[in-house]
């Protein structure tokens, strides 16, 4: 399904879709994609809107009992991507690390972030989103970043370029193929970044989500986008299809 121009609707209407997409991803992860012992939760990070991030919990030791369910797919090798970057983490590791923990007290091992217009519109919101993304990377948490909005004044080369510069890297020129991006970060002794461009009218690229360094599952962003779209009210659809 082609990506729609969500800038045509008001903020609350996009956030309704945002929540639908987040939960479609979360449900598919738990039912089909995650290996045994892993589980995903949708969490609200910034009020007042609904869940805006999917986090993945680490497997529990067999001594403590099995957690999670689902079909469980084998971890795949690193993705083939149109653009990738690599940086040795030790060179830019900060003196202090911000550790993000799950609500239950268990460590988060991966997160999926879906960018909203508000993340780019206001300076404070933009800074908070970049800092939150950096906190994931500094804490050793793998990240899948979905940015369905065109670059703005604060991120003329896209959100990833801002995050990567702050992390200590030098972003490569944006690959041809679109203004929007999905970006996957694999964090270990080295951090690897894989990026796929897309644009309005294109399908949202499926992308890898790393659970351990160098090994990932593929998240079907296109089919989950379709599932979310199927539940969008007709009144909102009419604005987007006009």
Protein backbone atom coordinates (compact mmCIF):
# COMPACT_ATOMS: atom_id res chain seq x y z
CA UNK A 1 0.00 0.00 0.00
CA UNK A 2 1.41 3.46 -0.85
CA UNK A 3 2.40 5.79 1.97
CA UNK A 4 -0.14 8.58 2.48
CA UNK A 5 0.59 12.24 3.20
CA UNK A 6 -0.32 12.45 6.87
CA UNK A 7 0.49 16.15 6.96
CA UNK A 8 -2.98 16.65 5.43
CA UNK A 9 -4.74 15.78 8.68
CA UNK A 10 -4.71 17.37 12.12
CA UNK A 11 -2.43 16.09 14.85
CA UNK A 12 -5.03 14.05 16.75
CA UNK A 13 -6.13 12.28 13.55
CA UNK A 14 -2.57 11.23 12.80
CA UNK A 15 -2.05 10.07 16.38
CA UNK A 16 -5.10 7.83 16.04
CA UNK A 17 -3.41 6.13 13.08
CA UNK A 18 -0.06 6.22 14.91
CA UNK A 19 -1.55 4.13 17.71
CA UNK A 20 -3.16 1.70 15.26
CA UNK A 21 0.18 1.12 13.53
CA UNK A 22 2.13 0.76 16.77
CA UNK A 23 -0.28 -1.90 18.05
CA UNK A 24 -0.35 -3.73 14.72
CA UNK A 25 3.46 -4.04 14.94
CA UNK A 26 3.33 -5.03 18.60
CA UNK A 27 0.71 -7.73 18.01
CA UNK A 28 2.54 -9.28 15.06
CA UNK A 29 5.81 -9.36 17.01
CA UNK A 30 4.21 -11.24 19.89
CA UNK A 31 2.06 -13.61 17.82
CA UNK A 32 4.45 -14.52 15.01
CA UNK A 33 7.86 -12.87 14.77
CA UNK A 34 9.65 -13.04 18.11
CA UNK A 35 11.65 -16.09 19.21
CA UNK A 36 10.48 -17.80 22.43
CA UNK A 37 11.15 -15.79 25.55
CA UNK A 38 11.03 -12.38 23.88
CA UNK A 39 7.98 -10.16 24.21
CA UNK A 40 6.92 -6.71 23.01
CA UNK A 41 4.89 -4.03 24.77
CA UNK A 42 3.47 -0.76 23.50
CA UNK A 43 4.30 2.06 25.88
CA UNK A 44 3.24 5.66 26.29
CA UNK A 45 6.33 7.82 26.67
CA UNK A 46 5.01 11.37 26.38
CA UNK A 47 1.41 12.20 27.41
CA UNK A 48 -1.32 12.86 26.47
CA UNK A 49 -1.35 10.63 23.40
CA UNK A 50 -1.54 6.85 23.17
CA UNK A 51 1.38 4.48 22.94
CA UNK A 52 4.20 5.84 20.80
CA UNK A 53 6.94 3.21 21.19
CA UNK A 54 7.21 -0.57 21.10
CA UNK A 55 9.79 -2.05 23.47
CA UNK A 56 11.07 -5.61 23.56
CA UNK A 57 11.89 -7.41 26.78
CA UNK A 58 14.80 -9.82 27.14
CA UNK A 59 14.23 -13.55 27.58
CA UNK A 60 13.99 -14.80 31.13
CA UNK A 61 16.36 -17.50 32.37
CA UNK A 62 14.78 -20.98 32.36
CA UNK A 63 15.36 -21.08 36.11
CA UNK A 64 12.95 -18.17 36.50
CA UNK A 65 10.31 -19.59 34.20
CA UNK A 66 9.47 -19.02 30.56
CA UNK A 67 8.04 -15.67 29.51
CA UNK A 68 6.34 -14.71 26.29
CA UNK A 69 4.85 -16.78 23.50
CA UNK A 70 4.45 -16.71 19.75
CA UNK A 71 5.64 -18.72 16.82
CA UNK A 72 9.23 -17.59 17.07
CA UNK A 73 11.27 -17.03 13.94
CA UNK A 74 14.97 -17.66 13.68
CA UNK A 75 17.23 -14.64 13.81
CA UNK A 76 18.48 -13.61 10.38
CA UNK A 77 21.79 -12.14 9.37
CA UNK A 78 22.27 -8.42 8.94
CA UNK A 79 20.06 -6.86 6.24
CA UNK A 80 21.09 -5.88 2.77
CA UNK A 81 20.46 -2.16 2.70
CA UNK A 82 20.89 0.70 0.27
CA UNK A 83 22.92 2.58 2.85
CA UNK A 84 24.82 1.57 5.94
CA UNK A 85 27.27 3.07 8.40
CA UNK A 86 29.55 1.62 11.05
CA UNK A 87 31.11 3.20 14.10
CA UNK A 88 33.21 1.70 16.90
CA UNK A 89 31.16 2.39 20.00
CA UNK A 90 34.13 2.73 22.35
CA UNK A 91 35.29 5.85 20.51
CA UNK A 92 32.19 7.82 21.37
CA UNK A 93 30.79 6.17 24.48
CA UNK A 94 29.85 8.91 26.98
CA UNK A 95 31.18 8.89 30.52
CA UNK A 96 27.71 8.25 31.86
CA UNK A 97 25.14 5.93 30.36
CA UNK A 98 21.40 6.39 30.64
CA UNK A 99 19.84 3.00 31.29
CA UNK A 100 16.22 2.60 30.22
CA UNK A 101 14.36 -0.21 31.96
CA UNK A 102 11.06 -1.92 31.32
CA UNK A 103 8.10 -1.00 33.55
CA UNK A 104 8.40 -4.43 35.19
CA UNK A 105 12.04 -3.75 36.05
CA UNK A 106 13.45 -5.94 33.28
CA UNK A 107 15.88 -4.53 30.77
CA UNK A 108 14.73 -3.43 27.34
CA UNK A 109 16.79 -5.04 24.60
CA UNK A 110 15.22 -3.32 21.54
CA UNK A 111 12.77 -0.55 20.70
CA UNK A 112 10.72 0.61 17.72
CA UNK A 113 10.09 4.35 17.42
CA UNK A 114 7.55 5.89 15.03
CA UNK A 115 8.17 9.57 14.32
CA UNK A 116 5.28 12.05 14.62
CA UNK A 117 4.99 15.57 13.16
CA UNK A 118 5.25 16.96 16.69
CA UNK A 119 8.70 15.40 17.02
CA UNK A 120 9.91 17.75 14.26
CA UNK A 121 7.69 20.79 14.78
CA UNK A 122 8.69 22.19 18.18
CA UNK A 123 12.31 22.63 19.23
CA UNK A 124 11.77 21.08 22.66
CA UNK A 125 9.96 18.05 21.23
CA UNK A 126 12.62 17.60 18.57
CA UNK A 127 15.40 17.72 21.14
CA UNK A 128 13.55 15.29 23.41
CA UNK A 129 13.07 12.77 20.59
CA UNK A 130 16.74 12.92 19.57
CA UNK A 131 17.85 12.54 23.19
CA UNK A 132 15.51 9.59 23.71
CA UNK A 133 16.93 7.88 20.61
CA UNK A 134 20.47 8.52 21.82
CA UNK A 135 19.60 7.10 25.24
CA UNK A 136 18.61 3.83 23.57
CA UNK A 137 21.94 3.62 21.74
CA UNK A 138 24.04 4.65 24.74
CA UNK A 139 22.25 2.00 26.81
CA UNK A 140 23.01 -0.78 24.33
CA UNK A 141 19.40 -0.99 23.10
CA UNK A 142 18.87 -1.85 19.43
CA UNK A 143 16.56 0.62 17.67
CA UNK A 144 14.27 0.57 14.65
CA UNK A 145 13.31 4.12 13.67
CA UNK A 146 10.40 4.73 11.29
CA UNK A 147 10.23 8.27 9.90
CA UNK A 148 7.26 8.70 7.51
CA UNK A 149 7.64 12.50 7.34
CA UNK A 150 9.81 14.62 5.08
CA UNK A 151 12.85 16.38 6.56
CA UNK A 152 12.12 19.68 8.27
CA UNK A 153 14.10 22.72 9.33
CA UNK A 154 15.68 20.87 12.24
CA UNK A 155 16.55 17.74 10.26
CA UNK A 156 17.26 18.78 6.64
CA UNK A 157 18.99 15.42 6.02
CA UNK A 158 16.51 13.42 8.04
CA UNK A 159 16.20 12.45 11.69
CA UNK A 160 18.92 9.79 11.46
CA UNK A 161 21.55 12.34 10.36
CA UNK A 162 20.87 14.39 13.50
CA UNK A 163 21.06 11.35 15.78
CA UNK A 164 24.20 10.02 14.08
CA UNK A 165 26.06 13.33 14.36
CA UNK A 166 25.15 13.62 18.05
CA UNK A 167 26.35 10.06 18.55
CA UNK A 168 29.73 10.95 17.10
CA UNK A 169 29.44 9.70 13.53
CA UNK A 170 29.53 11.38 10.15
CA UNK A 171 26.32 10.68 8.19
CA UNK A 172 26.71 9.53 4.63
CA UNK A 173 24.79 11.47 1.96
CA UNK A 174 21.17 10.41 1.80
CA UNK A 175 20.65 7.60 -0.71
CA UNK A 176 18.43 8.22 -3.69
CA UNK A 177 14.92 6.92 -3.51
CA UNK A 178 12.89 9.13 -1.15
CA UNK A 179 12.71 11.72 1.59
CA UNK A 180 11.35 9.37 4.25
CA UNK A 181 13.42 6.62 5.88
CA UNK A 182 13.37 3.53 8.03
CA UNK A 183 16.61 3.03 9.96
CA UNK A 184 17.83 0.03 11.94
CA UNK A 185 20.58 0.32 14.56
CA UNK A 186 22.52 -2.74 15.76
CA UNK A 187 24.36 -1.89 18.99
CA UNK A 188 27.34 -3.82 20.39
CA UNK A 189 31.09 -3.26 20.53
CA UNK A 190 30.41 -1.56 17.21
CA UNK A 191 27.20 0.11 16.13
CA UNK A 192 25.95 -0.60 12.62
CA UNK A 193 23.23 1.41 10.90
CA UNK A 194 21.07 0.26 8.00
CA UNK A 195 18.84 2.72 6.17
CA UNK A 196 16.12 2.38 3.54
CA UNK A 197 14.57 5.43 1.81
CA UNK A 198 10.97 5.68 0.64
CA UNK A 199 8.47 8.41 -0.19
CA UNK A 200 4.81 9.24 -0.68
CA UNK A 201 3.18 6.67 -2.90
CA UNK A 202 5.79 4.01 -2.07
CA UNK A 203 5.24 0.96 0.11
CA UNK A 204 6.85 1.29 3.53
CA UNK A 205 10.02 -0.86 3.38
CA UNK A 206 10.15 -3.92 5.61
CA UNK A 207 13.16 -3.58 7.90
CA UNK A 208 15.31 -5.54 10.31
CA UNK A 209 15.02 -5.22 14.07
CA UNK A 210 18.12 -6.45 15.89
CA UNK A 211 17.72 -8.54 19.03
CA UNK A 212 21.42 -9.31 19.40
CA UNK A 213 24.32 -7.58 17.60
CA UNK A 214 24.42 -8.64 13.97
CA UNK A 215 21.27 -10.80 14.15
CA UNK A 216 17.75 -9.61 13.50
CA UNK A 217 14.16 -10.36 12.63
CA UNK A 218 12.42 -8.65 9.72
CA UNK A 219 9.50 -6.43 10.71
CA UNK A 220 6.85 -6.27 7.94
CA UNK A 221 6.14 -2.55 8.08
CA UNK A 222 4.15 -2.59 4.85
CA UNK A 223 1.61 -5.19 5.98
CA UNK A 224 1.22 -3.61 9.42
CA UNK A 225 0.71 -0.20 7.78
CA UNK A 226 -2.05 -1.80 5.67
CA UNK A 227 -3.65 -3.32 8.75
CA UNK A 228 -3.67 0.06 10.50
CA UNK A 229 -5.04 1.78 7.38
CA UNK A 230 -7.93 -0.70 7.19
CA UNK A 231 -9.12 0.61 10.57
CA UNK A 232 -8.85 4.34 9.80
CA UNK A 233 -12.27 6.09 9.87
CA UNK A 234 -13.70 7.00 6.47
CA UNK A 235 -13.75 10.70 7.33
CA UNK A 236 -9.97 10.70 7.78
CA UNK A 237 -9.38 8.52 4.74
CA UNK A 238 -11.30 10.98 2.58
CA UNK A 239 -8.88 13.77 3.53
CA UNK A 240 -5.86 11.65 2.68
CA UNK A 241 -7.24 10.40 -0.63
CA UNK A 242 -8.43 13.81 -1.85
